PDB file of all heavy atoms in Angstrom:
ATOM      1  N   VAL A   1       0.846  -1.221   0.031  1.00  0.00           N
ATOM      2  CA  VAL A   1      -0.006  -0.018  -0.021  1.00  0.00           C
ATOM      3  C   VAL A   1       0.898   1.259   0.067  1.00  0.00           C
ATOM      4  O   VAL A   1       0.622   2.237  -0.741  1.00  0.00           O
ATOM      5  CB  VAL A   1      -0.982   0.028   1.201  1.00  0.00           C
ATOM      6  CG1 VAL A   1      -1.656   1.356   1.348  1.00  0.00           C
ATOM      7  CG2 VAL A   1      -2.127  -0.986   1.010  1.00  0.00           C
ATOM      8  N   ARG A   2       1.953   1.143   0.747  1.00  0.00           N
ATOM      9  CA  ARG A   2       2.821   2.420   0.713  1.00  0.00           C
ATOM     10  C   ARG A   2       3.446   2.625  -0.625  1.00  0.00           C
ATOM     11  O   ARG A   2       3.531   3.765  -1.152  1.00  0.00           O
ATOM     12  CB  ARG A   2       4.097   2.049   1.734  1.00  0.00           C
ATOM     13  CG  ARG A   2       3.581   2.300   3.209  1.00  0.00           C
ATOM     14  CD  ARG A   2       4.917   2.333   3.997  1.00  0.00           C
ATOM     15  NE  ARG A   2       4.613   2.693   5.368  1.00  0.00           N
ATOM     16  CZ  ARG A   2       4.609   1.816   6.437  1.00  0.00           C
ATOM     17  NH1 ARG A   2       4.957   0.491   6.125  1.00  0.00           N
ATOM     18  NH2 ARG A   2       4.311   2.087   7.618  1.00  0.00           N
ATOM     19  N   LYS A   3       3.790   1.550  -1.383  1.00  0.00           N
ATOM     20  CA  LYS A   3       4.268   1.720  -2.795  1.00  0.00           C
ATOM     21  C   LYS A   3       3.146   2.320  -3.683  1.00  0.00           C
ATOM     22  O   LYS A   3       3.419   3.173  -4.543  1.00  0.00           O
ATOM     23  CB  LYS A   3       4.709   0.346  -3.271  1.00  0.00           C
ATOM     24  CG  LYS A   3       5.941  -0.178  -2.711  1.00  0.00           C
ATOM     25  CD  LYS A   3       6.385  -1.491  -3.301  1.00  0.00           C
ATOM     26  CE  LYS A   3       7.591  -2.037  -2.654  1.00  0.00           C
ATOM     27  NZ  LYS A   3       7.998  -3.381  -3.041  1.00  0.00           N
ATOM     28  N   ARG A   4       1.949   1.895  -3.532  1.00  0.00           N
ATOM     29  CA  ARG A   4       0.832   2.506  -4.281  1.00  0.00           C
ATOM     30  C   ARG A   4       0.636   3.973  -3.981  1.00  0.00           C
ATOM     31  O   ARG A   4       0.435   4.743  -4.974  1.00  0.00           O
ATOM     32  CB  ARG A   4      -0.545   1.824  -3.902  1.00  0.00           C
ATOM     33  CG  ARG A   4      -0.450   0.401  -4.461  1.00  0.00           C
ATOM     34  CD  ARG A   4      -0.464   0.022  -5.962  1.00  0.00           C
ATOM     35  NE  ARG A   4      -0.479  -1.306  -6.295  1.00  0.00           N
ATOM     36  CZ  ARG A   4       0.777  -1.945  -6.417  1.00  0.00           C
ATOM     37  NH1 ARG A   4       2.000  -1.266  -6.385  1.00  0.00           N
ATOM     38  NH2 ARG A   4       0.784  -3.242  -6.587  1.00  0.00           N
ATOM     39  N   LEU A   5       0.777   4.286  -2.776  1.00  0.00           N
ATOM     40  CA  LEU A   5       0.756   5.775  -2.351  1.00  0.00           C
ATOM     41  C   LEU A   5       1.940   6.446  -3.016  1.00  0.00           C
ATOM     42  O   LEU A   5       1.708   7.655  -3.488  1.00  0.00           O
ATOM     43  CB  LEU A   5       0.678   5.972  -0.923  1.00  0.00           C
ATOM     44  CG  LEU A   5      -0.546   5.368  -0.143  1.00  0.00           C
ATOM     45  CD1 LEU A   5      -0.243   5.297   1.349  1.00  0.00           C
ATOM     46  CD2 LEU A   5      -1.742   6.247  -0.456  1.00  0.00           C
ATOM     47  N   MET A   6       3.012   5.944  -2.982  1.00  0.00           N
ATOM     48  CA  MET A   6       4.185   6.569  -3.716  1.00  0.00           C
ATOM     49  C   MET A   6       4.055   6.833  -5.087  1.00  0.00           C
ATOM     50  O   MET A   6       4.610   7.765  -5.750  1.00  0.00           O
ATOM     51  CB  MET A   6       5.458   5.794  -3.262  1.00  0.00           C
ATOM     52  CG  MET A   6       5.867   5.896  -1.738  1.00  0.00           C
ATOM     53  SD  MET A   6       7.405   4.956  -1.475  1.00  0.00           S
ATOM     54  CE  MET A   6       8.588   5.876  -2.356  1.00  0.00           C
ATOM     55  N   GLU A   7       3.342   5.834  -5.742  1.00  0.00           N
ATOM     56  CA  GLU A   7       3.154   6.008  -7.203  1.00  0.00           C
ATOM     57  C   GLU A   7       2.284   7.312  -7.520  1.00  0.00           C
ATOM     58  O   GLU A   7       2.336   7.883  -8.676  1.00  0.00           O
ATOM     59  CB  GLU A   7       2.344   4.809  -7.737  1.00  0.00           C
ATOM     60  CG  GLU A   7       3.103   3.576  -7.768  1.00  0.00           C
ATOM     61  CD  GLU A   7       2.285   2.302  -8.201  1.00  0.00           C
ATOM     62  OE1 GLU A   7       1.138   2.495  -8.770  1.00  0.00           O
ATOM     63  OE2 GLU A   7       2.695   1.237  -7.979  1.00  0.00           O
ATOM     64  N   LEU A   8       1.535   7.821  -6.517  1.00  0.00           N
ATOM     65  CA  LEU A   8       0.781   9.035  -6.614  1.00  0.00           C
ATOM     66  C   LEU A   8       1.505  10.162  -5.991  1.00  0.00           C
ATOM     67  O   LEU A   8       0.934  11.296  -5.810  1.00  0.00           O
ATOM     68  CB  LEU A   8      -0.672   8.890  -6.020  1.00  0.00           C
ATOM     69  CG  LEU A   8      -1.464   7.770  -6.571  1.00  0.00           C
ATOM     70  CD1 LEU A   8      -2.771   7.683  -5.852  1.00  0.00           C
ATOM     71  CD2 LEU A   8      -1.637   7.958  -8.086  1.00  0.00           C
ATOM     72  N   GLY A   9       2.840   9.932  -5.620  1.00  0.00           N
ATOM     73  CA  GLY A   9       3.513  11.010  -5.040  1.00  0.00           C
ATOM     74  C   GLY A   9       3.307  11.334  -3.514  1.00  0.00           C
ATOM     75  O   GLY A   9       3.702  12.275  -2.933  1.00  0.00           O
ATOM     76  N   ILE A  10       2.727  10.432  -2.833  1.00  0.00           N
ATOM     77  CA  ILE A  10       2.428  10.475  -1.414  1.00  0.00           C
ATOM     78  C   ILE A  10       3.450   9.606  -0.688  1.00  0.00           C
ATOM     79  O   ILE A  10       3.575   8.420  -0.696  1.00  0.00           O
ATOM     80  CB  ILE A  10       1.024   9.943  -1.114  1.00  0.00           C
ATOM     81  CG1 ILE A  10      -0.069  10.683  -1.876  1.00  0.00           C
ATOM     82  CG2 ILE A  10       0.690  10.040   0.350  1.00  0.00           C
ATOM     83  CD1 ILE A  10      -1.399  10.102  -1.902  1.00  0.00           C
ATOM     84  N   GLU A  11       4.229  10.409   0.185  1.00  0.00           N
ATOM     85  CA  GLU A  11       5.307   9.798   1.094  1.00  0.00           C
ATOM     86  C   GLU A  11       4.929  10.085   2.475  1.00  0.00           C
ATOM     87  O   GLU A  11       4.537  11.164   2.771  1.00  0.00           O
ATOM     88  CB  GLU A  11       6.654  10.126   0.559  1.00  0.00           C
ATOM     89  CG  GLU A  11       7.055   9.659  -0.785  1.00  0.00           C
ATOM     90  CD  GLU A  11       8.526  10.079  -1.208  1.00  0.00           C
ATOM     91  OE1 GLU A  11       9.268   9.963  -0.309  1.00  0.00           O
ATOM     92  OE2 GLU A  11       8.729  10.245  -2.282  1.00  0.00           O
ATOM     93  N   GLY A  12       5.251   9.057   3.273  1.00  0.00           N
ATOM     94  CA  GLY A  12       5.209   9.318   4.792  1.00  0.00           C
ATOM     95  C   GLY A  12       3.795   9.431   5.273  1.00  0.00           C
ATOM     96  O   GLY A  12       3.581   9.944   6.440  1.00  0.00           O
ATOM     97  N   ALA A  13       2.808   8.909   4.662  1.00  0.00           N
ATOM     98  CA  ALA A  13       1.371   9.180   5.014  1.00  0.00           C
ATOM     99  C   ALA A  13       1.015   7.960   5.916  1.00  0.00           C
ATOM    100  O   ALA A  13       0.176   8.122   6.952  1.00  0.00           O
ATOM    101  CB  ALA A  13       0.389   9.230   3.799  1.00  0.00           C
ATOM    102  N   LEU A  14       1.436   6.831   5.733  1.00  0.00           N
ATOM    103  CA  LEU A  14       1.089   5.640   6.402  1.00  0.00           C
ATOM    104  C   LEU A  14       2.021   5.369   7.545  1.00  0.00           C
ATOM    105  O   LEU A  14       3.196   4.779   7.423  1.00  0.00           O
ATOM    106  CB  LEU A  14       1.019   4.404   5.435  1.00  0.00           C
ATOM    107  CG  LEU A  14       0.363   3.053   6.066  1.00  0.00           C
ATOM    108  CD1 LEU A  14      -0.865   3.267   6.870  1.00  0.00           C
ATOM    109  CD2 LEU A  14       0.267   1.981   4.974  1.00  0.00           C
ATOM    110  N   GLU A  15       1.648   5.592   8.797  1.00  0.00           N
ATOM    111  CA  GLU A  15       2.473   5.318   9.974  1.00  0.00           C
ATOM    112  C   GLU A  15       2.157   3.998  10.647  1.00  0.00           C
ATOM    113  O   GLU A  15       1.045   3.598  10.738  1.00  0.00           O
ATOM    114  CB  GLU A  15       2.036   6.543  11.064  1.00  0.00           C
ATOM    115  CG  GLU A  15       2.832   6.283  12.284  1.00  0.00           C
ATOM    116  CD  GLU A  15       2.283   7.286  13.464  1.00  0.00           C
ATOM    117  OE1 GLU A  15       1.144   7.887  13.143  1.00  0.00           O
ATOM    118  OE2 GLU A  15       2.789   7.258  14.560  1.00  0.00           O
ATOM    119  N   THR A  16       3.250   3.378  11.081  1.00  0.00           N
ATOM    120  CA  THR A  16       3.111   2.110  11.854  1.00  0.00           C
ATOM    121  C   THR A  16       3.226   2.543  13.425  1.00  0.00           C
ATOM    122  O   THR A  16       4.165   3.240  13.747  1.00  0.00           O
ATOM    123  CB  THR A  16       4.312   1.180  11.537  1.00  0.00           C
ATOM    124  OG1 THR A  16       4.189   0.907  10.051  1.00  0.00           O
ATOM    125  CG2 THR A  16       4.200  -0.100  12.388  1.00  0.00           C
ATOM    126  N   VAL A  17       2.198   2.162  14.097  1.00  0.00           N
ATOM    127  CA  VAL A  17       2.105   2.474  15.500  1.00  0.00           C
ATOM    128  C   VAL A  17       2.501   1.114  16.206  1.00  0.00           C
ATOM    129  O   VAL A  17       1.666   0.261  16.180  1.00  0.00           O
ATOM    130  CB  VAL A  17       0.766   3.003  15.902  1.00  0.00           C
ATOM    131  CG1 VAL A  17       0.838   3.310  17.513  1.00  0.00           C
ATOM    132  CG2 VAL A  17       0.359   4.249  15.137  1.00  0.00           C
ATOM    133  N   ARG A  18       3.712   1.053  16.613  1.00  0.00           N
ATOM    134  CA  ARG A  18       4.217  -0.297  17.058  1.00  0.00           C
ATOM    135  C   ARG A  18       3.457  -0.761  18.187  1.00  0.00           C
ATOM    136  O   ARG A  18       3.109  -0.257  19.131  1.00  0.00           O
ATOM    137  CB  ARG A  18       5.639  -0.050  17.568  1.00  0.00           C
ATOM    138  CG  ARG A  18       6.387  -1.385  17.767  1.00  0.00           C
ATOM    139  CD  ARG A  18       7.896  -1.077  18.094  1.00  0.00           C
ATOM    140  NE  ARG A  18       8.603  -0.514  17.029  1.00  0.00           N
ATOM    141  CZ  ARG A  18       9.004  -1.183  15.934  1.00  0.00           C
ATOM    142  NH1 ARG A  18       8.716  -2.518  15.753  1.00  0.00           N
ATOM    143  NH2 ARG A  18       9.697  -0.494  15.027  1.00  0.00           N
ATOM    144  N   GLY A  19       3.003  -2.056  17.905  1.00  0.00           N
ATOM    145  CA  GLY A  19       2.269  -2.806  18.991  1.00  0.00           C
ATOM    146  C   GLY A  19       0.693  -2.575  18.964  1.00  0.00           C
ATOM    147  O   GLY A  19      -0.043  -3.119  19.685  1.00  0.00           O
ATOM    148  N   SER A  20       0.305  -1.625  18.062  1.00  0.00           N
ATOM    149  CA  SER A  20      -1.079  -1.186  18.042  1.00  0.00           C
ATOM    150  C   SER A  20      -1.681  -1.378  16.735  1.00  0.00           C
ATOM    151  O   SER A  20      -2.890  -2.010  16.595  1.00  0.00           O
ATOM    152  CB  SER A  20      -1.239   0.308  18.585  1.00  0.00           C
ATOM    153  OG  SER A  20      -0.799   0.339  19.919  1.00  0.00           O
ATOM    154  N   GLY A  21      -1.202  -0.701  15.646  1.00  0.00           N
ATOM    155  CA  GLY A  21      -1.706  -0.781  14.403  1.00  0.00           C
ATOM    156  C   GLY A  21      -1.075   0.206  13.440  1.00  0.00           C
ATOM    157  O   GLY A  21       0.027   0.514  13.467  1.00  0.00           O
ATOM    158  N   TYR A  22      -2.128   0.866  12.688  1.00  0.00           N
ATOM    159  CA  TYR A  22      -1.544   1.808  11.625  1.00  0.00           C
ATOM    160  C   TYR A  22      -2.407   3.019  11.436  1.00  0.00           C
ATOM    161  O   TYR A  22      -3.621   2.955  11.833  1.00  0.00           O
ATOM    162  CB  TYR A  22      -1.566   1.089  10.231  1.00  0.00           C
ATOM    163  CG  TYR A  22      -0.661  -0.157  10.251  1.00  0.00           C
ATOM    164  CD1 TYR A  22      -1.147  -1.333  10.597  1.00  0.00           C
ATOM    165  CD2 TYR A  22       0.739  -0.029   9.986  1.00  0.00           C
ATOM    166  CE1 TYR A  22      -0.269  -2.453  10.566  1.00  0.00           C
ATOM    167  CE2 TYR A  22       1.569  -1.142  10.020  1.00  0.00           C
ATOM    168  CZ  TYR A  22       1.038  -2.347  10.328  1.00  0.00           C
ATOM    169  OH  TYR A  22       1.891  -3.501  10.350  1.00  0.00           O
ATOM    170  N   ARG A  23      -1.881   4.175  11.112  1.00  0.00           N
ATOM    171  CA  ARG A  23      -2.636   5.370  10.993  1.00  0.00           C
ATOM    172  C   ARG A  23      -2.353   6.056   9.581  1.00  0.00           C
ATOM    173  O   ARG A  23      -1.061   6.135   9.268  1.00  0.00           O
ATOM    174  CB  ARG A  23      -2.202   6.314  12.015  1.00  0.00           C
ATOM    175  CG  ARG A  23      -2.993   7.655  12.110  1.00  0.00           C
ATOM    176  CD  ARG A  23      -2.570   8.469  13.204  1.00  0.00           C
ATOM    177  NE  ARG A  23      -3.091   8.076  14.528  1.00  0.00           N
ATOM    178  CZ  ARG A  23      -2.252   7.671  15.608  1.00  0.00           C
ATOM    179  NH1 ARG A  23      -0.962   7.750  15.482  1.00  0.00           N
ATOM    180  NH2 ARG A  23      -2.775   7.253  16.634  1.00  0.00           N
ATOM    181  N   LEU A  24      -3.360   6.407   8.804  1.00  0.00           N
ATOM    182  CA  LEU A  24      -3.063   7.055   7.562  1.00  0.00           C
ATOM    183  C   LEU A  24      -3.211   8.544   7.792  1.00  0.00           C
ATOM    184  O   LEU A  24      -4.332   9.085   7.915  1.00  0.00           O
ATOM    185  CB  LEU A  24      -4.188   6.595   6.423  1.00  0.00           C
ATOM    186  CG  LEU A  24      -3.888   7.141   5.027  1.00  0.00           C
ATOM    187  CD1 LEU A  24      -2.618   6.607   4.530  1.00  0.00           C
ATOM    188  CD2 LEU A  24      -4.988   6.623   4.240  1.00  0.00           C
ATOM    189  N   HIS A  25      -2.137   9.318   7.652  1.00  0.00           N
ATOM    190  CA  HIS A  25      -2.169  10.841   7.689  1.00  0.00           C
ATOM    191  C   HIS A  25      -2.414  11.443   6.408  1.00  0.00           C
ATOM    192  O   HIS A  25      -1.757  11.163   5.454  1.00  0.00           O
ATOM    193  CB  HIS A  25      -0.891  11.284   8.365  1.00  0.00           C
ATOM    194  CG  HIS A  25      -0.574  10.881   9.711  1.00  0.00           C
ATOM    195  ND1 HIS A  25      -0.989  11.353  10.800  1.00  0.00           N
ATOM    196  CD2 HIS A  25       0.182   9.741  10.241  1.00  0.00           C
ATOM    197  CE1 HIS A  25      -0.675  10.751  11.856  1.00  0.00           C
ATOM    198  NE2 HIS A  25       0.117   9.766  11.474  1.00  0.00           N
ATOM    199  N   PRO A  26      -3.341  12.410   6.294  1.00  0.00           N
ATOM    200  CA  PRO A  26      -3.663  12.982   4.918  1.00  0.00           C
ATOM    201  C   PRO A  26      -2.621  14.083   4.713  1.00  0.00           C
ATOM    202  O   PRO A  26      -2.909  15.285   4.489  1.00  0.00           O
ATOM    203  CB  PRO A  26      -5.005  13.534   5.182  1.00  0.00           C
ATOM    204  CG  PRO A  26      -5.100  13.936   6.667  1.00  0.00           C
ATOM    205  CD  PRO A  26      -4.366  12.778   7.278  1.00  0.00           C
ATOM    206  N   VAL A  27      -1.346  13.672   4.450  1.00  0.00           N
ATOM    207  CA  VAL A  27      -0.347  14.560   4.083  1.00  0.00           C
ATOM    208  C   VAL A  27      -0.479  15.305   2.740  1.00  0.00           C
ATOM    209  O   VAL A  27       0.242  16.169   2.372  1.00  0.00           O
ATOM    210  CB  VAL A  27       1.014  13.897   4.180  1.00  0.00           C
ATOM    211  CG1 VAL A  27       1.269  13.397   5.706  1.00  0.00           C
ATOM    212  CG2 VAL A  27       1.192  12.694   3.304  1.00  0.00           C
ATOM    213  N   TRP A  28      -1.309  14.593   1.892  1.00  0.00           N
ATOM    214  CA  TRP A  28      -1.552  15.087   0.504  1.00  0.00           C
ATOM    215  C   TRP A  28      -2.683  16.120   0.482  1.00  0.00           C
ATOM    216  O   TRP A  28      -3.242  16.461  -0.570  1.00  0.00           O
ATOM    217  CB  TRP A  28      -2.020  13.888  -0.276  1.00  0.00           C
ATOM    218  CG  TRP A  28      -3.381  13.324   0.191  1.00  0.00           C
ATOM    219  CD1 TRP A  28      -4.609  13.613  -0.045  1.00  0.00           C
ATOM    220  CD2 TRP A  28      -3.579  12.307   1.142  1.00  0.00           C
ATOM    221  NE1 TRP A  28      -5.590  12.902   0.564  1.00  0.00           N
ATOM    222  CE2 TRP A  28      -4.972  12.084   1.340  1.00  0.00           C
ATOM    223  CE3 TRP A  28      -2.567  11.369   1.861  1.00  0.00           C
ATOM    224  CZ2 TRP A  28      -5.358  11.177   2.260  1.00  0.00           C
ATOM    225  CZ3 TRP A  28      -3.154  10.541   2.669  1.00  0.00           C
ATOM    226  CH2 TRP A  28      -4.551  10.289   2.902  1.00  0.00           C
ATOM    227  N   GLN A  29      -3.118  16.717   1.652  1.00  0.00           N
ATOM    228  CA  GLN A  29      -4.147  17.500   1.716  1.00  0.00           C
ATOM    229  C   GLN A  29      -4.200  18.702   0.609  1.00  0.00           C
ATOM    230  O   GLN A  29      -3.092  19.274   0.212  1.00  0.00           O
ATOM    231  CB  GLN A  29      -4.248  18.322   3.147  1.00  0.00           C
ATOM    232  CG  GLN A  29      -4.718  17.444   4.217  1.00  0.00           C
ATOM    233  CD  GLN A  29      -4.766  18.172   5.549  1.00  0.00           C
ATOM    234  OE1 GLN A  29      -4.393  19.185   5.617  1.00  0.00           O
ATOM    235  NE2 GLN A  29      -5.148  17.519   6.537  1.00  0.00           N
ATOM    236  N   ARG A  30      -5.407  18.853   0.158  1.00  0.00           N
ATOM    237  CA  ARG A  30      -5.677  19.900  -0.911  1.00  0.00           C
ATOM    238  C   ARG A  30      -5.326  21.290  -0.392  1.00  0.00           C
ATOM    239  O   ARG A  30      -5.641  21.605   0.820  1.00  0.00           O
ATOM    240  CB  ARG A  30      -7.052  19.879  -1.384  1.00  0.00           C
ATOM    241  CG  ARG A  30      -7.325  18.664  -2.206  1.00  0.00           C
ATOM    242  CD  ARG A  30      -8.841  18.706  -2.628  1.00  0.00           C
ATOM    243  NE  ARG A  30      -9.727  18.491  -1.578  1.00  0.00           N
ATOM    244  CZ  ARG A  30     -10.928  18.010  -1.584  1.00  0.00           C
ATOM    245  NH1 ARG A  30     -11.457  17.851  -2.805  1.00  0.00           N
ATOM    246  NH2 ARG A  30     -11.759  17.853  -0.531  1.00  0.00           N
TER     247      ARG A  30
END
């Protein structure tokens, strides 16, 4: 999924929260 986001120029959006899960930050905000 990170690679798919990078194909659209989105980097650093998908955060791994160790021991808990994942968070998607809208760094691509309009």
